[in-house]
Amino acid sequence: MTGLIAIDLRPNTSALYCHGATKEVSVIKFRCPSCGQKIAVNDEGADRDITCPVCTLRIVVPPRSAPEFLQRARAETQPMPKSVTGLLSRLTSVPPPQQTPEPVVRPAPPAPLVTELESPPLHVLRSNHERQHLLPNLAQMLMNRLVQAVLGQRSLLLGTSQQATAQLIELEQRLARIQHQHREQISAYEQQLRTLEREVRRLRSENNALVRGRIRDASTAIERGRADTSSMEESADADLLLRA
């Protein structure tokens, strides 16, 4: 950034730039909102559109000088050096340089008056210089948000997977407990069945023994009856013989 640049906007004169000028009578001094370049314009250029000599930003000339230049002007008591006055006079007397005609451009709509450097218009804030710095930051911000969203989805999926794994483990444990209970019940039923089978075999043996005993007693009784009948017949025959 160079020193103060003076721009002459008087009628019938071209825009002249003076590098190094420090003070001028009846001029408006301000800074470019984009690059901060110090600019001095004669008071006839108030509320007019100009182009910054450094960053080519379209600027509306404020109606009065910025506060920083007003305070500096009050603090300075010495008159402007004659060398600067002579330089300005020589520059204003020089014929304007020949320039190639520029294409006709439709003038932009009048911008609001800029009276405070702290509140520049919106189109000034969105200059090309700021856009070049804003695009990388915007891309980085979008990338950070995308990464955060992906990480959030990943955390959600991991949490859901862990929850499903815990539920599956719990179901497997319940199934193992139920299978163990069923095995225990089957073992108990088998033990009871074996006990019942042994009891049935014992009862059958006792029943068979009882039947055999009864058959033996019946046979014995029949044999005794037969023997008694034979002895009775023999005694009857003996009585008959004795009577005879």
C-alpha atoms as a PDB file:
ATOM      1  CA  MET A   1       0.000   0.000   0.000  1.00  0.00           C
ATOM      2  CA  THR A   2       1.417   3.385  -1.054  1.00  0.00           C
ATOM      3  CA  GLY A   3       1.028   6.774   0.641  1.00  0.00           C
ATOM      4  CA  LEU A   4      -1.854   9.198   0.151  1.00  0.00           C
ATOM      5  CA  ILE A   5      -3.161   9.255  -3.457  1.00  0.00           C
ATOM      6  CA  ALA A   6      -4.797  12.476  -4.661  1.00  0.00           C
ATOM      7  CA  ILE A   7      -7.513  12.257  -7.325  1.00  0.00           C
ATOM      8  CA  ASP A   8      -8.655  15.431  -9.115  1.00  0.00           C
ATOM      9  CA  LEU A   9     -12.335  15.234 -10.090  1.00  0.00           C
ATOM     10  CA  ARG A  10     -12.819  18.814 -11.184  1.00  0.00           C
ATOM     11  CA  PRO A  11     -14.684  19.297 -14.463  1.00  0.00           C
ATOM     12  CA  ASN A  12     -12.693  19.227 -17.709  1.00  0.00           C
ATOM     13  CA  THR A  13      -9.769  17.446 -16.048  1.00  0.00           C
ATOM     14  CA  SER A  14      -8.727  13.850 -15.933  1.00  0.00           C
ATOM     15  CA  ALA A  15      -8.198  11.755 -12.835  1.00  0.00           C
ATOM     16  CA  LEU A  16      -4.661  12.420 -11.591  1.00  0.00           C
ATOM     17  CA  TYR A  17      -2.876  10.315  -9.003  1.00  0.00           C
ATOM     18  CA  CYS A  18      -0.255  11.736  -6.689  1.00  0.00           C
ATOM     19  CA  HIS A  19       1.842   9.339  -4.634  1.00  0.00           C
ATOM     20  CA  GLY A  20       3.207  10.783  -1.403  1.00  0.00           C
ATOM     21  CA  ALA A  21       0.878  13.751  -0.984  1.00  0.00           C
ATOM     22  CA  THR A  22       0.182  14.538   2.655  1.00  0.00           C
ATOM     23  CA  LYS A  23      -2.109  17.569   2.835  1.00  0.00           C
ATOM     24  CA  GLU A  24      -4.451  19.506   0.542  1.00  0.00           C
ATOM     25  CA  VAL A  25      -6.850  22.372   0.977  1.00  0.00           C
ATOM     26  CA  SER A  26     -10.590  21.698   0.289  1.00  0.00           C
ATOM     27  CA  VAL A  27     -10.128  17.963  -0.192  1.00  0.00           C
ATOM     28  CA  ILE A  28     -11.902  14.904   1.165  1.00  0.00           C
ATOM     29  CA  LYS A  29      -9.603  12.288   2.644  1.00  0.00           C
ATOM     30  CA  PHE A  30     -10.664   8.713   3.335  1.00  0.00           C
ATOM     31  CA  ARG A  31      -9.505   5.110   3.045  1.00  0.00           C
ATOM     32  CA  CYS A  32     -10.510   2.399   0.591  1.00  0.00           C
ATOM     33  CA  PRO A  33     -12.725  -0.087   2.507  1.00  0.00           C
ATOM     34  CA  SER A  34     -11.115  -3.018   0.685  1.00  0.00           C
ATOM     35  CA  CYS A  35      -7.361  -2.421   0.645  1.00  0.00           C
ATOM     36  CA  GLY A  36      -7.092   0.484   3.130  1.00  0.00           C
ATOM     37  CA  GLN A  37      -5.396   2.836   0.621  1.00  0.00           C
ATOM     38  CA  LYS A  38      -5.449   6.523   1.630  1.00  0.00           C
ATOM     39  CA  ILE A  39      -7.258   8.607  -1.014  1.00  0.00           C
ATOM     40  CA  ALA A  40      -7.705  12.393  -1.289  1.00  0.00           C
ATOM     41  CA  VAL A  41     -10.395  13.869  -3.598  1.00  0.00           C
ATOM     42  CA  ASN A  42     -11.289  17.530  -4.117  1.00  0.00           C
ATOM     43  CA  ASP A  43     -14.571  18.521  -2.496  1.00  0.00           C
ATOM     44  CA  GLU A  44     -16.300  18.710  -5.882  1.00  0.00           C
ATOM     45  CA  GLY A  45     -16.174  14.891  -6.076  1.00  0.00           C
ATOM     46  CA  ALA A  46     -18.409  14.267  -3.019  1.00  0.00           C
ATOM     47  CA  ASP A  47     -21.025  11.534  -3.536  1.00  0.00           C
ATOM     48  CA  ARG A  48     -19.447  10.477  -6.838  1.00  0.00           C
ATOM     49  CA  ASP A  49     -18.336   6.987  -7.848  1.00  0.00           C
ATOM     50  CA  ILE A  50     -14.609   6.487  -8.282  1.00  0.00           C
ATOM     51  CA  THR A  51     -12.297   3.525  -8.764  1.00  0.00           C
ATOM     52  CA  CYS A  52      -9.617   2.732  -6.191  1.00  0.00           C
ATOM     53  CA  PRO A  53      -6.224   3.131  -7.906  1.00  0.00           C
ATOM     54  CA  VAL A  54      -4.862   0.061  -6.049  1.00  0.00           C
ATOM     55  CA  CYS A  55      -7.593  -2.601  -5.940  1.00  0.00           C
ATOM     56  CA  THR A  56      -9.962  -1.114  -8.612  1.00  0.00           C
ATOM     57  CA  LEU A  57     -12.928  -1.266  -6.229  1.00  0.00           C
ATOM     58  CA  ARG A  58     -15.838   1.038  -7.001  1.00  0.00           C
ATOM     59  CA  ILE A  59     -16.138   3.518  -4.122  1.00  0.00           C
ATOM     60  CA  VAL A  60     -18.628   6.291  -3.330  1.00  0.00           C
ATOM     61  CA  VAL A  61     -16.779   9.421  -2.181  1.00  0.00           C
ATOM     62  CA  PRO A  62     -18.035  10.414   1.275  1.00  0.00           C
ATOM     63  CA  PRO A  63     -19.296  13.985   1.813  1.00  0.00           C
ATOM     64  CA  ARG A  64     -16.497  14.787   4.258  1.00  0.00           C
ATOM     65  CA  SER A  65     -13.103  13.489   5.334  1.00  0.00           C
ATOM     66  CA  ALA A  66     -12.759  10.536   7.650  1.00  0.00           C
ATOM     67  CA  PRO A  67     -12.384  11.304  11.371  1.00  0.00           C
ATOM     68  CA  GLU A  68      -8.771  10.115  11.456  1.00  0.00           C
ATOM     69  CA  PHE A  69      -7.777  12.695   8.830  1.00  0.00           C
ATOM     70  CA  LEU A  70      -9.761  15.453  10.542  1.00  0.00           C
ATOM     71  CA  GLN A  71      -7.962  14.790  13.828  1.00  0.00           C
ATOM     72  CA  ARG A  72      -4.617  14.730  12.058  1.00  0.00           C
ATOM     73  CA  ALA A  73      -5.408  18.015  10.303  1.00  0.00           C
ATOM     74  CA  ARG A  74      -6.240  19.700  13.592  1.00  0.00           C
ATOM     75  CA  ALA A  75      -3.007  18.443  15.173  1.00  0.00           C
ATOM     76  CA  GLU A  76      -0.858  19.778  12.336  1.00  0.00           C
ATOM     77  CA  THR A  77      -0.119  23.496  12.634  1.00  0.00           C
ATOM     78  CA  GLN A  78       2.552  23.896   9.989  1.00  0.00           C
ATOM     79  CA  PRO A  79       1.448  24.878   6.484  1.00  0.00           C
ATOM     80  CA  MET A  80       1.739  22.415   3.654  1.00  0.00           C
ATOM     81  CA  PRO A  81       5.248  22.358   2.134  1.00  0.00           C
ATOM     82  CA  LYS A  82       5.667  24.386  -1.005  1.00  0.00           C
ATOM     83  CA  SER A  83       7.142  21.382  -2.784  1.00  0.00           C
ATOM     84  CA  VAL A  84       3.856  19.507  -2.448  1.00  0.00           C
ATOM     85  CA  THR A  85       1.885  22.561  -3.581  1.00  0.00           C
ATOM     86  CA  GLY A  86       4.114  22.986  -6.581  1.00  0.00           C
ATOM     87  CA  LEU A  87       3.865  19.293  -7.386  1.00  0.00           C
ATOM     88  CA  LEU A  88       0.070  19.443  -7.317  1.00  0.00           C
ATOM     89  CA  SER A  89       0.055  22.546  -9.503  1.00  0.00           C
ATOM     90  CA  ARG A  90       2.406  20.926 -12.000  1.00  0.00           C
ATOM     91  CA  LEU A  91       0.313  17.773 -12.074  1.00  0.00           C
ATOM     92  CA  THR A  92      -2.896  19.690 -12.664  1.00  0.00           C
ATOM     93  CA  SER A  93      -1.264  21.697 -15.460  1.00  0.00           C
ATOM     94  CA  VAL A  94      -0.052  18.589 -17.308  1.00  0.00           C
ATOM     95  CA  PRO A  95      -2.388  17.550 -20.119  1.00  0.00           C
ATOM     96  CA  PRO A  96      -4.144  14.269 -19.518  1.00  0.00           C
ATOM     97  CA  PRO A  97      -2.465  11.216 -21.019  1.00  0.00           C
ATOM     98  CA  GLN A  98      -4.022   9.690 -24.077  1.00  0.00           C
ATOM     99  CA  GLN A  99      -5.940   6.601 -23.236  1.00  0.00           C
ATOM    100  CA  THR A 100      -7.708   4.087 -25.394  1.00  0.00           C
ATOM    101  CA  PRO A 101     -11.457   4.538 -25.328  1.00  0.00           C
ATOM    102  CA  GLU A 102     -13.091   2.200 -22.901  1.00  0.00           C
ATOM    103  CA  PRO A 103     -16.286   0.354 -23.785  1.00  0.00           C
ATOM    104  CA  VAL A 104     -19.464   2.022 -22.683  1.00  0.00           C
ATOM    105  CA  VAL A 105     -20.640   0.468 -19.478  1.00  0.00           C
ATOM    106  CA  ARG A 106     -24.030   1.081 -18.030  1.00  0.00           C
ATOM    107  CA  PRO A 107     -23.533   3.033 -14.822  1.00  0.00           C
ATOM    108  CA  ALA A 108     -24.262   1.185 -11.669  1.00  0.00           C
ATOM    109  CA  PRO A 109     -27.176   2.343  -9.552  1.00  0.00           C
ATOM    110  CA  PRO A 110     -26.219   5.039  -7.079  1.00  0.00           C
ATOM    111  CA  ALA A 111     -24.946   3.584  -3.881  1.00  0.00           C
ATOM    112  CA  PRO A 112     -25.880   5.049  -0.500  1.00  0.00           C
ATOM    113  CA  LEU A 113     -23.655   7.772   0.873  1.00  0.00           C
ATOM    114  CA  VAL A 114     -20.725   6.479   2.849  1.00  0.00           C
ATOM    115  CA  THR A 115     -20.328   8.710   5.872  1.00  0.00           C
ATOM    116  CA  GLU A 116     -18.697   6.225   8.245  1.00  0.00           C
ATOM    117  CA  LEU A 117     -15.797   3.952   7.380  1.00  0.00           C
ATOM    118  CA  GLU A 118     -16.980   1.457  10.002  1.00  0.00           C
ATOM    119  CA  SER A 119     -20.166   0.606   8.023  1.00  0.00           C
ATOM    120  CA  PRO A 120     -19.245   0.065   4.337  1.00  0.00           C
ATOM    121  CA  PRO A 121     -21.972  -1.015   1.883  1.00  0.00           C
ATOM    122  CA  LEU A 122     -22.674  -4.664   1.275  1.00  0.00           C
ATOM    123  CA  HIS A 123     -21.211  -4.768  -2.234  1.00  0.00           C
ATOM    124  CA  VAL A 124     -17.931  -3.430  -0.847  1.00  0.00           C
ATOM    125  CA  LEU A 125     -17.691  -6.253   1.652  1.00  0.00           C
ATOM    126  CA  ARG A 126     -18.227  -8.742  -1.174  1.00  0.00           C
ATOM    127  CA  SER A 127     -15.327  -7.649  -3.239  1.00  0.00           C
ATOM    128  CA  ASN A 128     -13.209  -9.972  -5.325  1.00  0.00           C
ATOM    129  CA  HIS A 129     -10.417  -9.824  -2.797  1.00  0.00           C
ATOM    130  CA  GLU A 130     -12.651 -11.015   0.022  1.00  0.00           C
ATOM    131  CA  ARG A 131     -14.248 -13.679  -2.144  1.00  0.00           C
ATOM    132  CA  GLN A 132     -10.853 -15.166  -2.904  1.00  0.00           C
ATOM    133  CA  HIS A 133     -10.256 -15.529   0.849  1.00  0.00           C
ATOM    134  CA  LEU A 134     -13.836 -16.593   1.552  1.00  0.00           C
ATOM    135  CA  LEU A 135     -14.086 -19.501  -0.898  1.00  0.00           C
ATOM    136  CA  PRO A 136     -11.342 -21.666   0.718  1.00  0.00           C
ATOM    137  CA  ASN A 137     -12.798 -20.976   4.169  1.00  0.00           C
ATOM    138  CA  LEU A 138     -16.291 -21.825   2.928  1.00  0.00           C
ATOM    139  CA  ALA A 139     -15.062 -25.063   1.358  1.00  0.00           C
ATOM    140  CA  GLN A 140     -13.225 -25.974   4.558  1.00  0.00           C
ATOM    141  CA  MET A 141     -16.322 -25.183   6.627  1.00  0.00           C
ATOM    142  CA  LEU A 142     -18.511 -27.356   4.377  1.00  0.00           C
ATOM    143  CA  MET A 143     -15.948 -30.155   4.538  1.00  0.00           C
ATOM    144  CA  ASN A 144     -15.831 -29.913   8.355  1.00  0.00           C
ATOM    145  CA  ARG A 145     -19.624 -30.092   8.546  1.00  0.00           C
ATOM    146  CA  LEU A 146     -19.672 -33.062   6.177  1.00  0.00           C
ATOM    147  CA  VAL A 147     -17.020 -34.849   8.244  1.00  0.00           C
ATOM    148  CA  GLN A 148     -18.949 -34.105  11.442  1.00  0.00           C
ATOM    149  CA  ALA A 149     -22.155 -35.475   9.875  1.00  0.00           C
ATOM    150  CA  VAL A 150     -20.365 -38.636   8.696  1.00  0.00           C
ATOM    151  CA  LEU A 151     -18.773 -39.111  12.125  1.00  0.00           C
ATOM    152  CA  GLY A 152     -22.169 -38.614  13.760  1.00  0.00           C
ATOM    153  CA  GLN A 153     -23.735 -41.236  11.498  1.00  0.00           C
ATOM    154  CA  ARG A 154     -20.820 -43.584  12.183  1.00  0.00           C
ATOM    155  CA  SER A 155     -21.220 -43.111  15.948  1.00  0.00           C
ATOM    156  CA  LEU A 156     -24.962 -43.754  15.627  1.00  0.00           C
ATOM    157  CA  LEU A 157     -24.370 -46.908  13.595  1.00  0.00           C
ATOM    158  CA  LEU A 158     -21.729 -48.101  16.054  1.00  0.00           C
ATOM    159  CA  GLY A 159     -24.087 -47.473  18.949  1.00  0.00           C
ATOM    160  CA  THR A 160     -26.886 -49.349  17.185  1.00  0.00           C
ATOM    161  CA  SER A 161     -24.525 -52.224  16.357  1.00  0.00           C
ATOM    162  CA  GLN A 162     -23.295 -52.431  19.941  1.00  0.00           C
ATOM    163  CA  GLN A 163     -26.871 -52.404  21.216  1.00  0.00           C
ATOM    164  CA  ALA A 164     -27.867 -55.171  18.785  1.00  0.00           C
ATOM    165  CA  THR A 165     -24.792 -57.203  19.796  1.00  0.00           C
ATOM    166  CA  ALA A 166     -25.677 -56.828  23.477  1.00  0.00           C
ATOM    167  CA  GLN A 167     -29.262 -57.937  22.814  1.00  0.00           C
ATOM    168  CA  LEU A 168     -28.017 -60.940  20.804  1.00  0.00           C
ATOM    169  CA  ILE A 169     -25.663 -61.949  23.619  1.00  0.00           C
ATOM    170  CA  GLU A 170     -28.510 -61.646  26.122  1.00  0.00           C
ATOM    171  CA  LEU A 171     -30.773 -63.814  23.939  1.00  0.00           C
ATOM    172  CA  GLU A 172     -28.038 -66.437  23.588  1.00  0.00           C
ATOM    173  CA  GLN A 173     -27.576 -66.513  27.366  1.00  0.00           C
ATOM    174  CA  ARG A 174     -31.337 -66.898  27.911  1.00  0.00           C
ATOM    175  CA  LEU A 175     -31.437 -69.700  25.324  1.00  0.00           C
ATOM    176  CA  ALA A 176     -28.530 -71.450  27.053  1.00  0.00           C
ATOM    177  CA  ARG A 177     -30.307 -71.184  30.417  1.00  0.00           C
ATOM    178  CA  ILE A 178     -33.542 -72.572  28.938  1.00  0.00           C
ATOM    179  CA  GLN A 179     -31.654 -75.465  27.314  1.00  0.00           C
ATOM    180  CA  HIS A 180     -29.920 -76.223  30.609  1.00  0.00           C
ATOM    181  CA  GLN A 181     -33.278 -76.233  32.433  1.00  0.00           C
ATOM    182  CA  HIS A 182     -34.752 -78.543  29.797  1.00  0.00           C
ATOM    183  CA  ARG A 183     -31.813 -80.925  30.093  1.00  0.00           C
ATOM    184  CA  GLU A 184     -32.215 -80.993  33.853  1.00  0.00           C
ATOM    185  CA  GLN A 185     -35.945 -81.700  33.515  1.00  0.00           C
ATOM    186  CA  ILE A 186     -35.294 -84.475  30.983  1.00  0.00           C
ATOM    187  CA  SER A 187     -32.690 -85.996  33.310  1.00  0.00           C
ATOM    188  CA  ALA A 188     -35.195 -85.891  36.180  1.00  0.00           C
ATOM    189  CA  TYR A 189     -37.874 -87.513  34.019  1.00  0.00           C
ATOM    190  CA  GLU A 190     -35.457 -90.262  32.943  1.00  0.00           C
ATOM    191  CA  GLN A 191     -34.514 -90.904  36.574  1.00  0.00           C
ATOM    192  CA  GLN A 192     -38.180 -91.161  37.553  1.00  0.00           C
ATOM    193  CA  LEU A 193     -38.811 -93.491  34.600  1.00  0.00           C
ATOM    194  CA  ARG A 194     -35.974 -95.793  35.645  1.00  0.00           C
ATOM    195  CA  THR A 195     -37.311 -95.806  39.190  1.00  0.00           C
ATOM    196  CA  LEU A 196     -40.785 -96.699  37.976  1.00  0.00           C
ATOM    197  CA  GLU A 197     -39.390 -99.474  35.781  1.00  0.00           C
ATOM    198  CA  ARG A 198     -37.546-100.982  38.743  1.00  0.00           C
ATOM    199  CA  GLU A 199     -40.735-100.760  40.836  1.00  0.00           C
ATOM    200  CA  VAL A 200     -42.730-102.463  38.079  1.00  0.00           C
ATOM    201  CA  ARG A 201     -40.199-105.276  37.850  1.00  0.00           C
ATOM    202  CA  ARG A 202     -40.280-105.734  41.626  1.00  0.00           C
ATOM    203  CA  LEU A 203     -44.071-105.828  41.684  1.00  0.00           C
ATOM    204  CA  ARG A 204     -44.121-108.315  38.839  1.00  0.00           C
ATOM    205  CA  SER A 205     -41.648-110.564  40.667  1.00  0.00           C
ATOM    206  CA  GLU A 206     -43.717-110.387  43.843  1.00  0.00           C
ATOM    207  CA  ASN A 207     -46.897-111.088  41.914  1.00  0.00           C
ATOM    208  CA  ASN A 208     -45.332-114.074  40.162  1.00  0.00           C
ATOM    209  CA  ALA A 209     -44.036-115.397  43.469  1.00  0.00           C
ATOM    210  CA  LEU A 210     -47.476-114.980  45.026  1.00  0.00           C
ATOM    211  CA  VAL A 211     -49.153-116.764  42.140  1.00  0.00           C
ATOM    212  CA  ARG A 212     -46.684-119.634  42.302  1.00  0.00           C
ATOM    213  CA  GLY A 213     -47.206-119.922  46.053  1.00  0.00           C
ATOM    214  CA  ARG A 214     -50.967-120.050  45.648  1.00  0.00           C
ATOM    215  CA  ILE A 215     -50.676-122.661  42.912  1.00  0.00           C
ATOM    216  CA  ARG A 216     -48.389-124.709  45.130  1.00  0.00           C
ATOM    217  CA  ASP A 217     -50.800-124.413  48.067  1.00  0.00           C
ATOM    218  CA  ALA A 218     -53.698-125.408  45.827  1.00  0.00           C
ATOM    219  CA  SER A 219     -51.799-128.428  44.540  1.00  0.00           C
ATOM    220  CA  THR A 220     -50.920-129.421  48.080  1.00  0.00           C
ATOM    221  CA  ALA A 221     -54.549-129.103  49.131  1.00  0.00           C
ATOM    222  CA  ILE A 222     -55.696-131.193  46.225  1.00  0.00           C
ATOM    223  CA  GLU A 223     -53.141-133.884  47.013  1.00  0.00           C
ATOM    224  CA  ARG A 224     -54.252-133.913  50.641  1.00  0.00           C
ATOM    225  CA  GLY A 225     -57.878-134.179  49.560  1.00  0.00           C
ATOM    226  CA  ARG A 226     -57.084-137.089  47.358  1.00  0.00           C
ATOM    227  CA  ALA A 227     -55.145-138.798  50.108  1.00  0.00           C
ATOM    228  CA  ASP A 228     -57.993-138.308  52.562  1.00  0.00           C
ATOM    229  CA  THR A 229     -60.480-139.689  50.044  1.00  0.00           C
ATOM    230  CA  SER A 230     -58.290-142.793  49.483  1.00  0.00           C
ATOM    231  CA  SER A 231     -57.931-143.460  53.206  1.00  0.00           C
ATOM    232  CA  MET A 232     -61.656-143.088  53.690  1.00  0.00           C
ATOM    233  CA  GLU A 233     -62.343-145.573  50.910  1.00  0.00           C
ATOM    234  CA  GLU A 234     -59.865-148.032  52.379  1.00  0.00           C
ATOM    235  CA  SER A 235     -61.408-147.777  55.838  1.00  0.00           C
ATOM    236  CA  ALA A 236     -64.873-148.295  54.343  1.00  0.00           C
ATOM    237  CA  ASP A 237     -63.667-151.429  52.549  1.00  0.00           C
ATOM    238  CA  ALA A 238     -62.152-152.723  55.793  1.00  0.00           C
ATOM    239  CA  ASP A 239     -65.426-152.239  57.668  1.00  0.00           C
ATOM    240  CA  LEU A 240     -67.261-154.124  54.961  1.00  0.00           C
ATOM    241  CA  LEU A 241     -64.837-156.999  55.217  1.00  0.00           C
ATOM    242  CA  LEU A 242     -65.171-157.148  58.949  1.00  0.00           C
ATOM    243  CA  ARG A 243     -68.905-157.250  58.765  1.00  0.00           C
ATOM    244  CA  ALA A 244     -68.813-159.967  56.270  1.00  0.00           C
END
